[in-house]
Amino acid sequence: MIFAKRFQRELTTGRLTLPVSVLLSLLLWSRNLNSTEAFINLMVFALIGYLLIEINTIFTLIRNRTTLHACLFWLISGICIFLHPFRLVHLIPLAFMIALFQLFGSYEQEECKSNAFNTFFCLSLTSLLAPHFIYFCVVFLVGMITFRSISFQTFLTGLIGIILPYWFLFGYAFLTDEMGLFYQPFHEMTSLPPINYQVFSVSQWIAMGIVAAYGAISSVYYLTVSNQDKTKVRILLSFLIFLEVFILAFFLVLPQYFIPLFILQSFITSLLTSHLLVLSRTRFSLIIFISVLVVWTLWALFSVFFESTFVV
């Protein structure tokens, strides 16, 4: 037991964890790095992982020094082959990370008009690629209220941030005489397409199941020990849990956005699971730690050797 706990501490906070994880992730990605687009996609995921490290460093979401959250996220991106082909929707999680930075930076700030504008501008940009993502603005508005950074001025500034991308889209559509480009996002965001879960492969269901399960376990555990964190960190992580629940509900209603939603769920789960594994030294955290090692290993082996034969 003592050896196991020491191994947990070394792996979750040690300096070798990051380079080893990066190497393993690159090996997993190497199967599909056969084009410029794939390399660009790898850089997008690398940047998201780096921003995960920065958001933890700046806001101290995990009290101890660690890069485990980025390591877990990069390993997920390498294991999931369906994430490797480049899609424009892969830029949505990147915009979300920037929006989260700005939102967290507004915590208890009376003058945070720039944070409000940047937050909702980034969210509005995501809705140009996936129109229904405009509803995440409501979640982030709840976040600003929770962070006590909302005022009449910040609300108006945020509203301008939402409108501005569509103002540019209107100008482009008007000048090119293609007003349908401007009307299309509004038509899509006000309608719900038929729900169809049969389009997903077995590997996608496995991936969402693993990530959602660890996210749920880590969230419930954090809520039981959240009093150990400072008030600011407790509020920030509670917002991430709220966002996680909204993402899962969003997926159930709009499964066609599986790819960006899965990436969002992955980096939230990586943060919450790392918080559990790094700060807790209980028998429960040890069981979760061992299960992560086993599940991630089996998941990677399945991805490498068997995934292609289980696609529906």
C-alpha atoms as a PDB file:
ATOM      1  CA  MET A   1       0.000   0.000   0.000  1.00  0.00           C
ATOM      2  CA  ILE A   2       2.800   2.432   0.889  1.00  0.00           C
ATOM      3  CA  PHE A   3       4.629   1.633  -2.353  1.00  0.00           C
ATOM      4  CA  ALA A   4       1.422   2.098  -4.360  1.00  0.00           C
ATOM      5  CA  LYS A   5       0.753   5.509  -2.811  1.00  0.00           C
ATOM      6  CA  ARG A   6       4.363   6.559  -3.421  1.00  0.00           C
ATOM      7  CA  PHE A   7       4.048   5.451  -7.046  1.00  0.00           C
ATOM      8  CA  GLN A   8       0.816   7.444  -7.338  1.00  0.00           C
ATOM      9  CA  ARG A   9       2.542  10.538  -5.984  1.00  0.00           C
ATOM     10  CA  GLU A  10       5.531  10.163  -8.308  1.00  0.00           C
ATOM     11  CA  LEU A  11       3.404   9.595 -11.393  1.00  0.00           C
ATOM     12  CA  THR A  12       0.904  12.377 -10.720  1.00  0.00           C
ATOM     13  CA  THR A  13       3.398  15.074  -9.706  1.00  0.00           C
ATOM     14  CA  GLY A  14       6.738  13.855 -11.084  1.00  0.00           C
ATOM     15  CA  ARG A  15       8.705  15.640 -13.775  1.00  0.00           C
ATOM     16  CA  LEU A  16       8.931  12.611 -16.068  1.00  0.00           C
ATOM     17  CA  THR A  17       5.165  12.242 -16.461  1.00  0.00           C
ATOM     18  CA  LEU A  18       4.865  15.034 -19.013  1.00  0.00           C
ATOM     19  CA  PRO A  19       7.645  13.985 -21.453  1.00  0.00           C
ATOM     20  CA  VAL A  20       6.620  10.314 -21.263  1.00  0.00           C
ATOM     21  CA  SER A  21       2.971  11.208 -21.928  1.00  0.00           C
ATOM     22  CA  VAL A  22       3.936  13.468 -24.825  1.00  0.00           C
ATOM     23  CA  LEU A  23       6.033  10.659 -26.337  1.00  0.00           C
ATOM     24  CA  LEU A  24       3.215   8.120 -25.979  1.00  0.00           C
ATOM     25  CA  SER A  25       0.720  10.567 -27.438  1.00  0.00           C
ATOM     26  CA  LEU A  26       2.969  11.267 -30.433  1.00  0.00           C
ATOM     27  CA  LEU A  27       3.382   7.517 -31.016  1.00  0.00           C
ATOM     28  CA  LEU A  28      -0.401   7.126 -31.043  1.00  0.00           C
ATOM     29  CA  TRP A  29      -0.800  10.118 -33.345  1.00  0.00           C
ATOM     30  CA  SER A  30       1.943   8.865 -35.706  1.00  0.00           C
ATOM     31  CA  ARG A  31      -0.498   6.361 -37.227  1.00  0.00           C
ATOM     32  CA  ASN A  32      -2.312   9.205 -38.987  1.00  0.00           C
ATOM     33  CA  LEU A  33       0.258  11.977 -39.380  1.00  0.00           C
ATOM     34  CA  ASN A  34       0.337  11.589 -43.149  1.00  0.00           C
ATOM     35  CA  SER A  35      -0.832  15.034 -44.251  1.00  0.00           C
ATOM     36  CA  THR A  36      -0.468  18.721 -43.479  1.00  0.00           C
ATOM     37  CA  GLU A  37      -4.022  18.850 -42.136  1.00  0.00           C
ATOM     38  CA  ALA A  38      -3.293  16.040 -39.655  1.00  0.00           C
ATOM     39  CA  PHE A  39      -0.208  17.887 -38.425  1.00  0.00           C
ATOM     40  CA  ILE A  40      -2.232  21.094 -38.020  1.00  0.00           C
ATOM     41  CA  ASN A  41      -4.780  19.110 -36.051  1.00  0.00           C
ATOM     42  CA  LEU A  42      -2.033  17.776 -33.792  1.00  0.00           C
ATOM     43  CA  MET A  43      -0.901  21.341 -33.158  1.00  0.00           C
ATOM     44  CA  VAL A  44      -4.464  22.337 -32.218  1.00  0.00           C
ATOM     45  CA  PHE A  45      -4.615  19.596 -29.584  1.00  0.00           C
ATOM     46  CA  ALA A  46      -1.111  20.481 -28.385  1.00  0.00           C
ATOM     47  CA  LEU A  47      -2.225  24.090 -27.914  1.00  0.00           C
ATOM     48  CA  ILE A  48      -5.358  23.053 -26.012  1.00  0.00           C
ATOM     49  CA  GLY A  49      -3.203  20.924 -23.701  1.00  0.00           C
ATOM     50  CA  TYR A  50      -0.808  23.818 -23.168  1.00  0.00           C
ATOM     51  CA  LEU A  51      -3.723  26.118 -22.305  1.00  0.00           C
ATOM     52  CA  LEU A  52      -4.879  23.500 -19.794  1.00  0.00           C
ATOM     53  CA  ILE A  53      -1.505  23.790 -18.073  1.00  0.00           C
ATOM     54  CA  GLU A  54      -1.717  27.585 -18.126  1.00  0.00           C
ATOM     55  CA  ILE A  55      -5.264  27.773 -16.763  1.00  0.00           C
ATOM     56  CA  ASN A  56      -4.238  25.573 -13.863  1.00  0.00           C
ATOM     57  CA  THR A  57      -1.074  27.598 -13.240  1.00  0.00           C
ATOM     58  CA  ILE A  58      -2.818  30.975 -13.308  1.00  0.00           C
ATOM     59  CA  PHE A  59      -5.914  30.070 -11.293  1.00  0.00           C
ATOM     60  CA  THR A  60      -4.361  27.289  -9.134  1.00  0.00           C
ATOM     61  CA  LEU A  61      -7.204  24.850  -9.745  1.00  0.00           C
ATOM     62  CA  ILE A  62      -4.959  22.047  -8.451  1.00  0.00           C
ATOM     63  CA  ARG A  63      -2.951  23.130  -5.409  1.00  0.00           C
ATOM     64  CA  ASN A  64       0.108  20.962  -6.097  1.00  0.00           C
ATOM     65  CA  ARG A  65       2.417  21.352  -9.069  1.00  0.00           C
ATOM     66  CA  THR A  66       1.324  18.944 -11.780  1.00  0.00           C
ATOM     67  CA  THR A  67       0.833  18.537 -15.510  1.00  0.00           C
ATOM     68  CA  LEU A  68      -1.238  15.368 -15.194  1.00  0.00           C
ATOM     69  CA  HIS A  69      -4.380  17.024 -16.591  1.00  0.00           C
ATOM     70  CA  ALA A  70      -2.615  17.930 -19.847  1.00  0.00           C
ATOM     71  CA  CYS A  71      -1.059  14.451 -20.000  1.00  0.00           C
ATOM     72  CA  LEU A  72      -4.452  12.760 -19.694  1.00  0.00           C
ATOM     73  CA  PHE A  73      -5.936  15.035 -22.359  1.00  0.00           C
ATOM     74  CA  TRP A  74      -3.090  14.418 -24.806  1.00  0.00           C
ATOM     75  CA  LEU A  75      -3.334  10.663 -24.262  1.00  0.00           C
ATOM     76  CA  ILE A  76      -7.081  10.786 -24.965  1.00  0.00           C
ATOM     77  CA  SER A  77      -6.443  12.706 -28.177  1.00  0.00           C
ATOM     78  CA  GLY A  78      -3.864  10.127 -29.249  1.00  0.00           C
ATOM     79  CA  ILE A  79      -5.990   7.103 -28.382  1.00  0.00           C
ATOM     80  CA  CYS A  80      -9.125   8.352 -30.173  1.00  0.00           C
ATOM     81  CA  ILE A  81      -8.423   7.802 -33.871  1.00  0.00           C
ATOM     82  CA  PHE A  82     -11.682   9.536 -34.817  1.00  0.00           C
ATOM     83  CA  LEU A  83     -10.176  12.805 -33.539  1.00  0.00           C
ATOM     84  CA  HIS A  84      -7.143  12.662 -35.836  1.00  0.00           C
ATOM     85  CA  PRO A  85      -8.658  13.852 -39.166  1.00  0.00           C
ATOM     86  CA  PHE A  86      -8.804  17.637 -39.154  1.00  0.00           C
ATOM     87  CA  ARG A  87     -12.226  19.261 -38.921  1.00  0.00           C
ATOM     88  CA  LEU A  88     -13.076  22.920 -38.468  1.00  0.00           C
ATOM     89  CA  VAL A  89     -15.103  22.014 -35.365  1.00  0.00           C
ATOM     90  CA  HIS A  90     -11.808  21.111 -33.657  1.00  0.00           C
ATOM     91  CA  LEU A  91     -11.294  24.858 -33.333  1.00  0.00           C
ATOM     92  CA  ILE A  92     -14.378  25.085 -31.083  1.00  0.00           C
ATOM     93  CA  PRO A  93     -12.655  23.664 -27.958  1.00  0.00           C
ATOM     94  CA  LEU A  94      -9.733  26.012 -28.563  1.00  0.00           C
ATOM     95  CA  ALA A  95     -12.119  28.988 -28.584  1.00  0.00           C
ATOM     96  CA  PHE A  96     -13.769  27.566 -25.456  1.00  0.00           C
ATOM     97  CA  MET A  97     -10.444  27.461 -23.627  1.00  0.00           C
ATOM     98  CA  ILE A  98      -9.863  31.128 -24.434  1.00  0.00           C
ATOM     99  CA  ALA A  99     -13.420  31.934 -23.299  1.00  0.00           C
ATOM    100  CA  LEU A 100     -12.806  30.061 -20.018  1.00  0.00           C
ATOM    101  CA  PHE A 101      -9.580  32.010 -19.460  1.00  0.00           C
ATOM    102  CA  GLN A 102     -11.451  35.276 -19.888  1.00  0.00           C
ATOM    103  CA  LEU A 103     -14.398  34.161 -17.762  1.00  0.00           C
ATOM    104  CA  PHE A 104     -12.192  32.968 -14.885  1.00  0.00           C
ATOM    105  CA  GLY A 105     -10.217  36.204 -15.127  1.00  0.00           C
ATOM    106  CA  SER A 106     -13.410  38.167 -14.496  1.00  0.00           C
ATOM    107  CA  TYR A 107     -13.891  36.647 -11.032  1.00  0.00           C
ATOM    108  CA  GLU A 108     -15.094  39.400  -8.652  1.00  0.00           C
ATOM    109  CA  GLN A 109     -13.808  42.101 -11.011  1.00  0.00           C
ATOM    110  CA  GLU A 110     -15.950  45.237 -11.100  1.00  0.00           C
ATOM    111  CA  GLU A 111     -14.358  46.486 -14.317  1.00  0.00           C
ATOM    112  CA  CYS A 112     -14.136  43.457 -16.590  1.00  0.00           C
ATOM    113  CA  LYS A 113     -15.701  44.699 -19.812  1.00  0.00           C
ATOM    114  CA  SER A 114     -12.805  43.340 -21.880  1.00  0.00           C
ATOM    115  CA  ASN A 115     -13.177  39.907 -20.252  1.00  0.00           C
ATOM    116  CA  ALA A 116     -16.919  39.901 -20.965  1.00  0.00           C
ATOM    117  CA  PHE A 117     -16.403  40.927 -24.585  1.00  0.00           C
ATOM    118  CA  ASN A 118     -13.658  38.368 -25.220  1.00  0.00           C
ATOM    119  CA  THR A 119     -15.638  35.566 -23.539  1.00  0.00           C
ATOM    120  CA  PHE A 120     -18.800  36.001 -25.564  1.00  0.00           C
ATOM    121  CA  PHE A 121     -16.977  36.906 -28.754  1.00  0.00           C
ATOM    122  CA  CYS A 122     -15.180  33.535 -28.650  1.00  0.00           C
ATOM    123  CA  LEU A 123     -18.434  31.712 -27.918  1.00  0.00           C
ATOM    124  CA  SER A 124     -20.145  33.519 -30.789  1.00  0.00           C
ATOM    125  CA  LEU A 125     -17.341  32.465 -33.129  1.00  0.00           C
ATOM    126  CA  THR A 126     -17.981  28.818 -32.209  1.00  0.00           C
ATOM    127  CA  SER A 127     -21.633  29.236 -33.162  1.00  0.00           C
ATOM    128  CA  LEU A 128     -20.599  30.136 -36.713  1.00  0.00           C
ATOM    129  CA  LEU A 129     -19.207  26.600 -37.004  1.00  0.00           C
ATOM    130  CA  ALA A 130     -21.906  24.918 -34.889  1.00  0.00           C
ATOM    131  CA  PRO A 131     -24.935  27.255 -34.579  1.00  0.00           C
ATOM    132  CA  HIS A 132     -26.487  25.568 -31.537  1.00  0.00           C
ATOM    133  CA  PHE A 133     -23.352  26.364 -29.525  1.00  0.00           C
ATOM    134  CA  ILE A 134     -24.781  29.865 -29.107  1.00  0.00           C
ATOM    135  CA  TYR A 135     -26.721  28.427 -26.159  1.00  0.00           C
ATOM    136  CA  PHE A 136     -23.478  28.029 -24.242  1.00  0.00           C
ATOM    137  CA  CYS A 137     -23.626  31.803 -23.845  1.00  0.00           C
ATOM    138  CA  VAL A 138     -26.380  31.222 -21.272  1.00  0.00           C
ATOM    139  CA  VAL A 139     -24.078  28.916 -19.283  1.00  0.00           C
ATOM    140  CA  PHE A 140     -21.259  31.462 -19.321  1.00  0.00           C
ATOM    141  CA  LEU A 141     -23.705  34.211 -18.324  1.00  0.00           C
ATOM    142  CA  VAL A 142     -24.621  32.081 -15.301  1.00  0.00           C
ATOM    143  CA  GLY A 143     -20.881  31.807 -14.684  1.00  0.00           C
ATOM    144  CA  MET A 144     -20.465  35.584 -14.651  1.00  0.00           C
ATOM    145  CA  ILE A 145     -23.366  35.902 -12.222  1.00  0.00           C
ATOM    146  CA  THR A 146     -21.810  33.225 -10.002  1.00  0.00           C
ATOM    147  CA  PHE A 147     -18.419  34.949 -10.163  1.00  0.00           C
ATOM    148  CA  ARG A 148     -20.058  38.262  -9.177  1.00  0.00           C
ATOM    149  CA  SER A 149     -18.654  39.981 -12.255  1.00  0.00           C
ATOM    150  CA  ILE A 150     -21.931  40.826 -13.996  1.00  0.00           C
ATOM    151  CA  SER A 151     -23.175  44.383 -14.317  1.00  0.00           C
ATOM    152  CA  PHE A 152     -25.225  46.331 -16.815  1.00  0.00           C
ATOM    153  CA  GLN A 153     -22.035  47.433 -18.601  1.00  0.00           C
ATOM    154  CA  THR A 154     -20.497  43.957 -18.760  1.00  0.00           C
ATOM    155  CA  PHE A 155     -23.817  42.525 -19.955  1.00  0.00           C
ATOM    156  CA  LEU A 156     -23.969  45.030 -22.823  1.00  0.00           C
ATOM    157  CA  THR A 157     -20.310  44.450 -23.645  1.00  0.00           C
ATOM    158  CA  GLY A 158     -20.889  40.713 -23.747  1.00  0.00           C
ATOM    159  CA  LEU A 159     -23.904  41.243 -25.997  1.00  0.00           C
ATOM    160  CA  ILE A 160     -21.727  43.239 -28.397  1.00  0.00           C
ATOM    161  CA  GLY A 161     -19.234  40.351 -28.349  1.00  0.00           C
ATOM    162  CA  ILE A 162     -22.011  37.958 -29.412  1.00  0.00           C
ATOM    163  CA  ILE A 163     -23.284  40.264 -32.174  1.00  0.00           C
ATOM    164  CA  LEU A 164     -19.927  41.257 -33.688  1.00  0.00           C
ATOM    165  CA  PRO A 165     -19.110  37.976 -35.546  1.00  0.00           C
ATOM    166  CA  TYR A 166     -22.592  37.979 -37.040  1.00  0.00           C
ATOM    167  CA  TRP A 167     -22.158  41.620 -38.038  1.00  0.00           C
ATOM    168  CA  PHE A 168     -19.050  40.659 -40.005  1.00  0.00           C
ATOM    169  CA  LEU A 169     -20.913  37.671 -41.473  1.00  0.00           C
ATOM    170  CA  PHE A 170     -23.730  39.990 -42.552  1.00  0.00           C
ATOM    171  CA  GLY A 171     -21.265  42.334 -44.239  1.00  0.00           C
ATOM    172  CA  TYR A 172     -19.639  39.467 -46.140  1.00  0.00           C
ATOM    173  CA  ALA A 173     -22.976  37.960 -47.155  1.00  0.00           C
ATOM    174  CA  PHE A 174     -24.300  41.357 -48.306  1.00  0.00           C
ATOM    175  CA  LEU A 175     -21.210  42.209 -50.351  1.00  0.00           C
ATOM    176  CA  THR A 176     -21.147  38.784 -52.035  1.00  0.00           C
ATOM    177  CA  ASP A 177     -24.933  38.759 -52.524  1.00  0.00           C
ATOM    178  CA  GLU A 178     -25.215  35.481 -50.606  1.00  0.00           C
ATOM    179  CA  MET A 179     -27.554  36.430 -47.771  1.00  0.00           C
ATOM    180  CA  GLY A 180     -28.353  32.760 -47.257  1.00  0.00           C
ATOM    181  CA  LEU A 181     -24.998  32.466 -45.476  1.00  0.00           C
ATOM    182  CA  PHE A 182     -26.243  34.979 -42.920  1.00  0.00           C
ATOM    183  CA  TYR A 183     -29.690  33.448 -42.435  1.00  0.00           C
ATOM    184  CA  GLN A 184     -28.518  29.824 -42.228  1.00  0.00           C
ATOM    185  CA  PRO A 185     -27.064  29.906 -38.655  1.00  0.00           C
ATOM    186  CA  PHE A 186     -30.269  31.467 -37.300  1.00  0.00           C
ATOM    187  CA  HIS A 187     -32.372  28.839 -39.038  1.00  0.00           C
ATOM    188  CA  GLU A 188     -30.245  26.029 -37.591  1.00  0.00           C
ATOM    189  CA  MET A 189     -30.073  27.381 -34.033  1.00  0.00           C
ATOM    190  CA  THR A 190     -33.878  27.680 -33.863  1.00  0.00           C
ATOM    191  CA  SER A 191     -34.556  24.117 -35.021  1.00  0.00           C
ATOM    192  CA  LEU A 192     -33.725  20.676 -33.642  1.00  0.00           C
ATOM    193  CA  PRO A 193     -32.715  17.962 -36.120  1.00  0.00           C
ATOM    194  CA  PRO A 194     -33.821  14.354 -35.531  1.00  0.00           C
ATOM    195  CA  ILE A 195     -31.837  12.564 -32.822  1.00  0.00           C
ATOM    196  CA  ASN A 196     -29.784   9.712 -34.259  1.00  0.00           C
ATOM    197  CA  TYR A 197     -27.299   7.786 -32.108  1.00  0.00           C
ATOM    198  CA  GLN A 198     -26.749   5.039 -34.661  1.00  0.00           C
ATOM    199  CA  VAL A 199     -24.152   7.034 -36.594  1.00  0.00           C
ATOM    200  CA  PHE A 200     -21.521   6.536 -33.876  1.00  0.00           C
ATOM    201  CA  SER A 201     -18.922   3.781 -33.987  1.00  0.00           C
ATOM    202  CA  VAL A 202     -18.263   1.434 -31.088  1.00  0.00           C
ATOM    203  CA  SER A 203     -14.978   3.251 -30.420  1.00  0.00           C
ATOM    204  CA  GLN A 204     -16.816   6.570 -30.064  1.00  0.00           C
ATOM    205  CA  TRP A 205     -19.279   5.094 -27.575  1.00  0.00           C
ATOM    206  CA  ILE A 206     -16.422   3.549 -25.603  1.00  0.00           C
ATOM    207  CA  ALA A 207     -14.553   6.859 -25.570  1.00  0.00           C
ATOM    208  CA  MET A 208     -17.558   8.884 -24.410  1.00  0.00           C
ATOM    209  CA  GLY A 209     -18.407   6.245 -21.804  1.00  0.00           C
ATOM    210  CA  ILE A 210     -14.902   6.247 -20.317  1.00  0.00           C
ATOM    211  CA  VAL A 211     -14.547  10.022 -20.277  1.00  0.00           C
ATOM    212  CA  ALA A 212     -18.073  10.634 -18.936  1.00  0.00           C
ATOM    213  CA  ALA A 213     -17.665   7.965 -16.230  1.00  0.00           C
ATOM    214  CA  TYR A 214     -14.395   9.388 -14.893  1.00  0.00           C
ATOM    215  CA  GLY A 215     -15.817  12.890 -15.149  1.00  0.00           C
ATOM    216  CA  ALA A 216     -18.853  11.883 -13.073  1.00  0.00           C
ATOM    217  CA  ILE A 217     -16.777  10.038 -10.454  1.00  0.00           C
ATOM    218  CA  SER A 218     -14.327  12.927 -10.106  1.00  0.00           C
ATOM    219  CA  SER A 219     -17.124  15.510  -9.957  1.00  0.00           C
ATOM    220  CA  VAL A 220     -19.042  13.710  -7.216  1.00  0.00           C
ATOM    221  CA  TYR A 221     -15.843  13.151  -5.250  1.00  0.00           C
ATOM    222  CA  TYR A 222     -14.841  16.802  -5.562  1.00  0.00           C
ATOM    223  CA  LEU A 223     -18.199  17.984  -4.269  1.00  0.00           C
ATOM    224  CA  THR A 224     -17.590  15.931  -1.115  1.00  0.00           C
ATOM    225  CA  VAL A 225     -14.143  17.440  -0.455  1.00  0.00           C
ATOM    226  CA  SER A 226     -14.545  20.906  -2.016  1.00  0.00           C
ATOM    227  CA  ASN A 227     -14.310  22.579   1.412  1.00  0.00           C
ATOM    228  CA  GLN A 228     -10.564  21.870   1.333  1.00  0.00           C
ATOM    229  CA  ASP A 229     -10.083  24.403  -1.469  1.00  0.00           C
ATOM    230  CA  LYS A 230     -10.204  28.173  -1.265  1.00  0.00           C
ATOM    231  CA  THR A 231     -13.531  29.798  -2.065  1.00  0.00           C
ATOM    232  CA  LYS A 232     -12.406  31.040  -5.488  1.00  0.00           C
ATOM    233  CA  VAL A 233     -11.109  27.644  -6.601  1.00  0.00           C
ATOM    234  CA  ARG A 234     -14.254  25.956  -5.265  1.00  0.00           C
ATOM    235  CA  ILE A 235     -16.470  28.266  -7.315  1.00  0.00           C
ATOM    236  CA  LEU A 236     -14.358  27.875 -10.473  1.00  0.00           C
ATOM    237  CA  LEU A 237     -14.323  24.066 -10.291  1.00  0.00           C
ATOM    238  CA  SER A 238     -18.030  23.965  -9.461  1.00  0.00           C
ATOM    239  CA  PHE A 239     -18.660  25.936 -12.637  1.00  0.00           C
ATOM    240  CA  LEU A 240     -16.653  23.364 -14.604  1.00  0.00           C
ATOM    241  CA  ILE A 241     -18.847  20.617 -13.134  1.00  0.00           C
ATOM    242  CA  PHE A 242     -21.956  22.586 -14.117  1.00  0.00           C
ATOM    243  CA  LEU A 243     -20.508  23.010 -17.614  1.00  0.00           C
ATOM    244  CA  GLU A 244     -19.771  19.287 -17.753  1.00  0.00           C
ATOM    245  CA  VAL A 245     -23.406  18.433 -16.979  1.00  0.00           C
ATOM    246  CA  PHE A 246     -24.603  20.876 -19.636  1.00  0.00           C
ATOM    247  CA  ILE A 247     -22.248  19.303 -22.214  1.00  0.00           C
ATOM    248  CA  LEU A 248     -23.646  15.825 -21.545  1.00  0.00           C
ATOM    249  CA  ALA A 249     -27.227  17.087 -21.776  1.00  0.00           C
ATOM    250  CA  PHE A 250     -26.317  18.942 -24.972  1.00  0.00           C
ATOM    251  CA  PHE A 251     -24.931  15.712 -26.440  1.00  0.00           C
ATOM    252  CA  LEU A 252     -28.118  13.780 -25.648  1.00  0.00           C
ATOM    253  CA  VAL A 253     -30.230  16.359 -27.480  1.00  0.00           C
ATOM    254  CA  LEU A 254     -27.801  17.231 -30.300  1.00  0.00           C
ATOM    255  CA  PRO A 255     -25.562  14.185 -30.878  1.00  0.00           C
ATOM    256  CA  GLN A 256     -24.402  15.501 -34.276  1.00  0.00           C
ATOM    257  CA  TYR A 257     -21.961  17.724 -32.326  1.00  0.00           C
ATOM    258  CA  PHE A 258     -20.276  14.687 -30.784  1.00  0.00           C
ATOM    259  CA  ILE A 259     -16.705  15.618 -31.808  1.00  0.00           C
ATOM    260  CA  PRO A 260     -16.451  19.122 -30.256  1.00  0.00           C
ATOM    261  CA  LEU A 261     -18.533  18.078 -27.230  1.00  0.00           C
ATOM    262  CA  PHE A 262     -16.308  15.058 -26.616  1.00  0.00           C
ATOM    263  CA  ILE A 263     -13.182  17.235 -26.729  1.00  0.00           C
ATOM    264  CA  LEU A 264     -14.757  19.697 -24.278  1.00  0.00           C
ATOM    265  CA  GLN A 265     -15.769  16.845 -21.997  1.00  0.00           C
ATOM    266  CA  SER A 266     -12.244  15.405 -22.256  1.00  0.00           C
ATOM    267  CA  PHE A 267     -10.389  18.448 -20.976  1.00  0.00           C
ATOM    268  CA  ILE A 268     -12.888  19.015 -18.136  1.00  0.00           C
ATOM    269  CA  THR A 269     -12.629  15.351 -17.117  1.00  0.00           C
ATOM    270  CA  SER A 270      -8.826  15.548 -17.328  1.00  0.00           C
ATOM    271  CA  LEU A 271      -8.802  18.507 -14.922  1.00  0.00           C
ATOM    272  CA  LEU A 272     -11.237  16.992 -12.420  1.00  0.00           C
ATOM    273  CA  THR A 273      -9.635  13.532 -12.480  1.00  0.00           C
ATOM    274  CA  SER A 274      -6.190  15.062 -12.011  1.00  0.00           C
ATOM    275  CA  HIS A 275      -7.494  17.074  -9.054  1.00  0.00           C
ATOM    276  CA  LEU A 276      -8.622  13.814  -7.446  1.00  0.00           C
ATOM    277  CA  LEU A 277      -5.437  11.858  -8.186  1.00  0.00           C
ATOM    278  CA  VAL A 278      -2.973  14.605  -7.270  1.00  0.00           C
ATOM    279  CA  LEU A 279      -4.508  15.865  -4.031  1.00  0.00           C
ATOM    280  CA  SER A 280      -6.106  12.754  -2.564  1.00  0.00           C
ATOM    281  CA  ARG A 281      -4.121   9.944  -0.925  1.00  0.00           C
ATOM    282  CA  THR A 282      -7.046   7.791   0.201  1.00  0.00           C
ATOM    283  CA  ARG A 283      -7.803   4.169  -0.641  1.00  0.00           C
ATOM    284  CA  PHE A 284     -10.501   5.425  -3.034  1.00  0.00           C
ATOM    285  CA  SER A 285      -8.089   7.673  -4.957  1.00  0.00           C
ATOM    286  CA  LEU A 286      -5.620   4.772  -5.163  1.00  0.00           C
ATOM    287  CA  ILE A 287      -8.325   2.571  -6.700  1.00  0.00           C
ATOM    288  CA  ILE A 288      -9.159   5.307  -9.223  1.00  0.00           C
ATOM    289  CA  PHE A 289      -5.460   5.766  -9.981  1.00  0.00           C
ATOM    290  CA  ILE A 290      -4.979   2.055 -10.688  1.00  0.00           C
ATOM    291  CA  SER A 291      -8.160   1.962 -12.767  1.00  0.00           C
ATOM    292  CA  VAL A 292      -6.924   4.907 -14.858  1.00  0.00           C
ATOM    293  CA  LEU A 293      -3.669   3.074 -15.598  1.00  0.00           C
ATOM    294  CA  VAL A 294      -5.499  -0.124 -16.533  1.00  0.00           C
ATOM    295  CA  VAL A 295      -8.362   1.457 -18.490  1.00  0.00           C
ATOM    296  CA  TRP A 296      -6.167   3.895 -20.437  1.00  0.00           C
ATOM    297  CA  THR A 297      -3.784   1.049 -21.336  1.00  0.00           C
ATOM    298  CA  LEU A 298      -6.571  -1.289 -22.500  1.00  0.00           C
ATOM    299  CA  TRP A 299      -8.219   1.604 -24.330  1.00  0.00           C
ATOM    300  CA  ALA A 300      -4.974   2.366 -26.183  1.00  0.00           C
ATOM    301  CA  LEU A 301      -4.470  -1.300 -27.081  1.00  0.00           C
ATOM    302  CA  PHE A 302      -8.017  -1.514 -28.373  1.00  0.00           C
ATOM    303  CA  SER A 303      -7.455   1.621 -30.446  1.00  0.00           C
ATOM    304  CA  VAL A 304      -4.199   0.348 -31.933  1.00  0.00           C
ATOM    305  CA  PHE A 305      -5.068  -3.277 -32.653  1.00  0.00           C
ATOM    306  CA  PHE A 306      -8.834  -3.734 -32.791  1.00  0.00           C
ATOM    307  CA  GLU A 307     -10.660  -0.468 -33.422  1.00  0.00           C
ATOM    308  CA  SER A 308     -10.892  -0.767 -37.203  1.00  0.00           C
ATOM    309  CA  THR A 309     -12.815  -4.031 -36.895  1.00  0.00           C
ATOM    310  CA  PHE A 310     -15.483  -2.602 -34.577  1.00  0.00           C
ATOM    311  CA  VAL A 311     -16.698   0.326 -36.632  1.00  0.00           C
ATOM    312  CA  VAL A 312     -20.435   0.394 -37.328  1.00  0.00           C
END
